[in-house]
Each structure stands twice: as structure tokens, then as C-alpha cells.
C-alpha atoms as a PDB file:
ATOM      1  CA  MET A   1    -194.867 112.904  38.088  1.00  0.00           C
ATOM      2  CA  ILE A   2    -193.109 109.567  38.668  1.00  0.00           C
ATOM      3  CA  THR A   3    -195.548 106.992  40.004  1.00  0.00           C
ATOM      4  CA  GLY A   4    -193.408 103.869  40.357  1.00  0.00           C
ATOM      5  CA  LEU A   5    -190.601 101.780  38.999  1.00  0.00           C
ATOM      6  CA  ASP A   6    -191.651  99.550  36.110  1.00  0.00           C
ATOM      7  CA  HIS A   7    -188.506  97.417  35.787  1.00  0.00           C
ATOM      8  CA  VAL A   8    -184.731  97.324  36.010  1.00  0.00           C
ATOM      9  CA  GLN A   9    -182.721  96.227  32.997  1.00  0.00           C
ATOM     10  CA  LEU A  10    -179.321  94.590  33.117  1.00  0.00           C
ATOM     11  CA  ALA A  11    -177.186  93.716  30.117  1.00  0.00           C
ATOM     12  CA  ALA A  12    -176.050  90.278  29.055  1.00  0.00           C
ATOM     13  CA  PRO A  13    -173.821  88.993  26.262  1.00  0.00           C
ATOM     14  CA  PRO A  14    -175.304  87.221  23.241  1.00  0.00           C
ATOM     15  CA  GLY A  15    -176.182  83.569  23.875  1.00  0.00           C
ATOM     16  CA  ALA A  16    -176.413  83.856  27.681  1.00  0.00           C
ATOM     17  CA  GLU A  17    -180.168  83.246  27.945  1.00  0.00           C
ATOM     18  CA  GLY A  18    -179.833  79.619  29.101  1.00  0.00           C
ATOM     19  CA  ARG A  19    -177.516  80.553  31.961  1.00  0.00           C
ATOM     20  CA  LEU A  20    -179.752  83.486  32.897  1.00  0.00           C
ATOM     21  CA  ARG A  21    -182.862  81.276  32.974  1.00  0.00           C
ATOM     22  CA  ALA A  22    -181.086  78.692  35.115  1.00  0.00           C
ATOM     23  CA  PHE A  23    -180.055  81.392  37.594  1.00  0.00           C
ATOM     24  CA  TYR A  24    -182.996  83.796  37.745  1.00  0.00           C
ATOM     25  CA  ALA A  25    -185.751  81.178  37.466  1.00  0.00           C
ATOM     26  CA  GLY A  26    -183.977  78.073  38.752  1.00  0.00           C
ATOM     27  CA  VAL A  27    -181.907  79.485  41.613  1.00  0.00           C
ATOM     28  CA  LEU A  28    -183.694  82.719  42.549  1.00  0.00           C
ATOM     29  CA  GLY A  29    -187.179  81.350  41.915  1.00  0.00           C
ATOM     30  CA  MET A  30    -188.336  84.196  39.691  1.00  0.00           C
ATOM     31  CA  THR A  31    -190.853  83.558  36.903  1.00  0.00           C
ATOM     32  CA  GLU A  32    -189.856  84.154  33.309  1.00  0.00           C
ATOM     33  CA  THR A  33    -192.373  86.336  31.503  1.00  0.00           C
ATOM     34  CA  PRO A  34    -192.763  86.331  27.725  1.00  0.00           C
ATOM     35  CA  LYS A  35    -191.360  89.243  25.789  1.00  0.00           C
ATOM     36  CA  PRO A  36    -193.466  90.833  23.041  1.00  0.00           C
ATOM     37  CA  PRO A  37    -192.526  89.232  19.676  1.00  0.00           C
ATOM     38  CA  ALA A  38    -190.750  92.334  18.333  1.00  0.00           C
ATOM     39  CA  LEU A  39    -188.582  92.481  21.464  1.00  0.00           C
ATOM     40  CA  ALA A  40    -188.081  88.709  21.714  1.00  0.00           C
ATOM     41  CA  ALA A  41    -186.272  88.840  18.375  1.00  0.00           C
ATOM     42  CA  ARG A  42    -183.548  90.889  20.079  1.00  0.00           C
ATOM     43  CA  GLY A  43    -182.745  88.110  22.563  1.00  0.00           C
ATOM     44  CA  GLY A  44    -182.570  88.366  26.315  1.00  0.00           C
ATOM     45  CA  CYS A  45    -185.238  87.417  28.835  1.00  0.00           C
ATOM     46  CA  TRP A  46    -187.559  88.969  31.391  1.00  0.00           C
ATOM     47  CA  PHE A  47    -188.277  87.797  34.939  1.00  0.00           C
ATOM     48  CA  GLU A  48    -190.562  88.819  37.761  1.00  0.00           C
ATOM     49  CA  ALA A  49    -191.318  87.975  41.377  1.00  0.00           C
ATOM     50  CA  GLY A  50    -194.154  89.811  43.117  1.00  0.00           C
ATOM     51  CA  THR A  51    -193.881  93.445  42.035  1.00  0.00           C
ATOM     52  CA  VAL A  52    -190.219  93.123  40.981  1.00  0.00           C
ATOM     53  CA  ARG A  53    -189.533  93.039  37.246  1.00  0.00           C
ATOM     54  CA  LEU A  54    -186.043  92.423  35.941  1.00  0.00           C
ATOM     55  CA  HIS A  55    -185.161  92.538  32.241  1.00  0.00           C
ATOM     56  CA  LEU A  56    -181.951  91.060  30.858  1.00  0.00           C
ATOM     57  CA  GLY A  57    -181.192  92.568  27.466  1.00  0.00           C
ATOM     58  CA  VAL A  58    -178.538  91.407  25.030  1.00  0.00           C
ATOM     59  CA  GLU A  59    -175.716  93.848  24.452  1.00  0.00           C
ATOM     60  CA  SER A  60    -174.320  92.725  21.113  1.00  0.00           C
ATOM     61  CA  THR A  61    -170.999  94.524  21.197  1.00  0.00           C
ATOM     62  CA  GLY A  62    -168.731  95.437  24.059  1.00  0.00           C
ATOM     63  CA  PHE A  63    -170.724  93.762  26.838  1.00  0.00           C
ATOM     64  CA  ARG A  64    -169.436  94.664  30.291  1.00  0.00           C
ATOM     65  CA  PRO A  65    -171.268  93.473  33.396  1.00  0.00           C
ATOM     66  CA  ALA A  66    -172.509  96.024  35.916  1.00  0.00           C
ATOM     67  CA  ARG A  67    -170.064  95.606  38.793  1.00  0.00           C
ATOM     68  CA  LYS A  68    -171.070  98.672  40.841  1.00  0.00           C
ATOM     69  CA  ALA A  69    -174.558  99.622  39.602  1.00  0.00           C
ATOM     70  CA  HIS A  70    -177.068  96.989  40.699  1.00  0.00           C
ATOM     71  CA  PRO A  71    -180.665  96.259  41.623  1.00  0.00           C
ATOM     72  CA  GLY A  72    -181.373  95.912  45.337  1.00  0.00           C
ATOM     73  CA  LEU A  73    -183.710  92.960  45.815  1.00  0.00           C
ATOM     74  CA  ARG A  74    -185.633  92.891  49.082  1.00  0.00           C
ATOM     75  CA  VAL A  75    -186.118  89.343  50.378  1.00  0.00           C
ATOM     76  CA  THR A  76    -187.467  87.480  53.351  1.00  0.00           C
ATOM     77  CA  GLY A  77    -185.334  84.730  54.824  1.00  0.00           C
ATOM     78  CA  ILE A  78    -182.044  86.231  53.712  1.00  0.00           C
ATOM     79  CA  ASP A  79    -179.939  83.478  55.310  1.00  0.00           C
ATOM     80  CA  ALA A  80    -181.801  80.830  53.309  1.00  0.00           C
ATOM     81  CA  TYR A  81    -181.271  82.872  50.140  1.00  0.00           C
ATOM     82  CA  ALA A  82    -177.537  83.117  50.787  1.00  0.00           C
ATOM     83  CA  THR A  83    -177.337  79.384  51.506  1.00  0.00           C
ATOM     84  CA  ARG A  84    -179.283  78.580  48.330  1.00  0.00           C
ATOM     85  CA  LEU A  85    -177.020  80.738  46.174  1.00  0.00           C
ATOM     86  CA  GLU A  86    -173.862  79.252  47.652  1.00  0.00           C
ATOM     87  CA  ALA A  87    -175.227  75.720  47.220  1.00  0.00           C
ATOM     88  CA  HIS A  88    -175.604  76.509  43.509  1.00  0.00           C
ATOM     89  CA  GLY A  89    -172.001  77.734  43.258  1.00  0.00           C
ATOM     90  CA  THR A  90    -172.662  81.471  43.554  1.00  0.00           C
ATOM     91  CA  PRO A  91    -170.465  83.081  46.232  1.00  0.00           C
ATOM     92  CA  VAL A  92    -172.038  85.788  48.380  1.00  0.00           C
ATOM     93  CA  THR A  93    -170.333  88.707  50.115  1.00  0.00           C
ATOM     94  CA  TRP A  94    -172.024  89.984  53.256  1.00  0.00           C
ATOM     95  CA  ASP A  95    -172.016  93.723  53.935  1.00  0.00           C
ATOM     96  CA  HIS A  96    -172.943  95.007  57.396  1.00  0.00           C
ATOM     97  CA  ASP A  97    -172.695  98.742  56.650  1.00  0.00           C
ATOM     98  CA  LEU A  98    -176.391  99.553  56.024  1.00  0.00           C
ATOM     99  CA  PRO A  99    -178.067 100.291  59.354  1.00  0.00           C
ATOM    100  CA  GLY A 100    -181.294  98.422  59.978  1.00  0.00           C
ATOM    101  CA  HIS A 101    -180.665  95.803  57.285  1.00  0.00           C
ATOM    102  CA  ARG A 102    -178.887  92.561  56.646  1.00  0.00           C
ATOM    103  CA  ARG A 103    -177.549  92.353  53.133  1.00  0.00           C
ATOM    104  CA  PHE A 104    -175.176  90.608  50.778  1.00  0.00           C
ATOM    105  CA  TYR A 105    -173.995  90.892  47.206  1.00  0.00           C
ATOM    106  CA  CYS A 106    -173.419  88.296  44.521  1.00  0.00           C
ATOM    107  CA  ALA A 107    -172.921  88.209  40.770  1.00  0.00           C
ATOM    108  CA  ASP A 108    -175.286  86.675  38.246  1.00  0.00           C
ATOM    109  CA  PRO A 109    -173.869  84.187  35.693  1.00  0.00           C
ATOM    110  CA  VAL A 110    -172.674  86.985  33.394  1.00  0.00           C
ATOM    111  CA  GLY A 111    -171.088  89.060  36.170  1.00  0.00           C
ATOM    112  CA  ASN A 112    -173.805  91.628  36.969  1.00  0.00           C
ATOM    113  CA  ARG A 113    -173.858  92.673  40.619  1.00  0.00           C
ATOM    114  CA  LEU A 114    -177.007  91.938  42.642  1.00  0.00           C
ATOM    115  CA  GLU A 115    -177.812  93.107  46.167  1.00  0.00           C
ATOM    116  CA  PHE A 116    -180.140  91.157  48.460  1.00  0.00           C
ATOM    117  CA  LEU A 117    -181.390  92.865  51.583  1.00  0.00           C
ATOM    118  CA  GLU A 118    -183.809  92.300  54.425  1.00  0.00           C
ATOM    119  CA  PRO A 119    -184.794  94.777  57.140  1.00  0.00           C
ATOM    120  CA  ASP A 120    -183.594  93.529  60.508  1.00  0.00           C
ATOM    121  CA  GLY A 121    -186.729  94.703  62.297  1.00  0.00           C
ATOM    122  CA  LEU A 122    -185.311  98.072  63.295  1.00  0.00           C
ATOM    123  CA  ALA A 123    -185.522  99.708  59.877  1.00  0.00           C
ATOM    124  CA  ARG A 124    -188.460 101.785  58.757  1.00  0.00           C
ATOM    125  CA  PRO A 125    -190.259 100.525  55.635  1.00  0.00           C
END
């Protein structure tokens, strides 16, 4: 029986940790969490905000960002989030096709697609 989602992992190229920290912690406001020593040796970094856990793991060879697959991050104050991202040089693309939600997409510093969405008050939880 599945009881929940523990985390989502995205790939990153070697040496991208500084850019990832600046984006996920600095721009998105997530908290970096320490990796266990055996996993820290592999590179990458882990972040969380509330119950959301996002792991960025180093893909040593053939890194390709996820351009279609993506985590959907539920937010409050979606307009402020979009403004904050754009102010930090990250373009956002609004999508109005999901009934009951406002949402947009952007790419993290290594090109992975991220979705941000907020119920518009009409959607069921």
C-alpha cells in the first residue's frame, strides 16, 4: 500500500550545486537539508519546504534536463512567486488550461521544468 510521496528527484550536471542552492534556497525560499555522508559524496543537494522534499542528484554522464516531466509545486501567492522568479532572471510561462487553478512553468538553472500552481478557489482540494 502506498502511503505518501517521500520526495521527487531531478537530475543535475556535475558542479551545479552552487547554482541549485542559489535558486532553490535563495529564490524559491526552500531550506537545504543535509544529505547522509555516504550520499553527500555523490554530489547534489536536497531541499524542502513544508511537506515538499526535492532532491537534486548529479548525473555524471549524459545529463539531460527534464523538459516535460516535472514536479508540480503548490504555492500560495502565485503572482508574487512569478514576480520573484522573473526579478531573478527566470522567465515564467503561464498556462490557463487546468480548470480551477492558476499555474505557470519555469526552468531551474540546469533546465529542469518546474510547475507552480495555486487553486483559484473553485478547485476541490
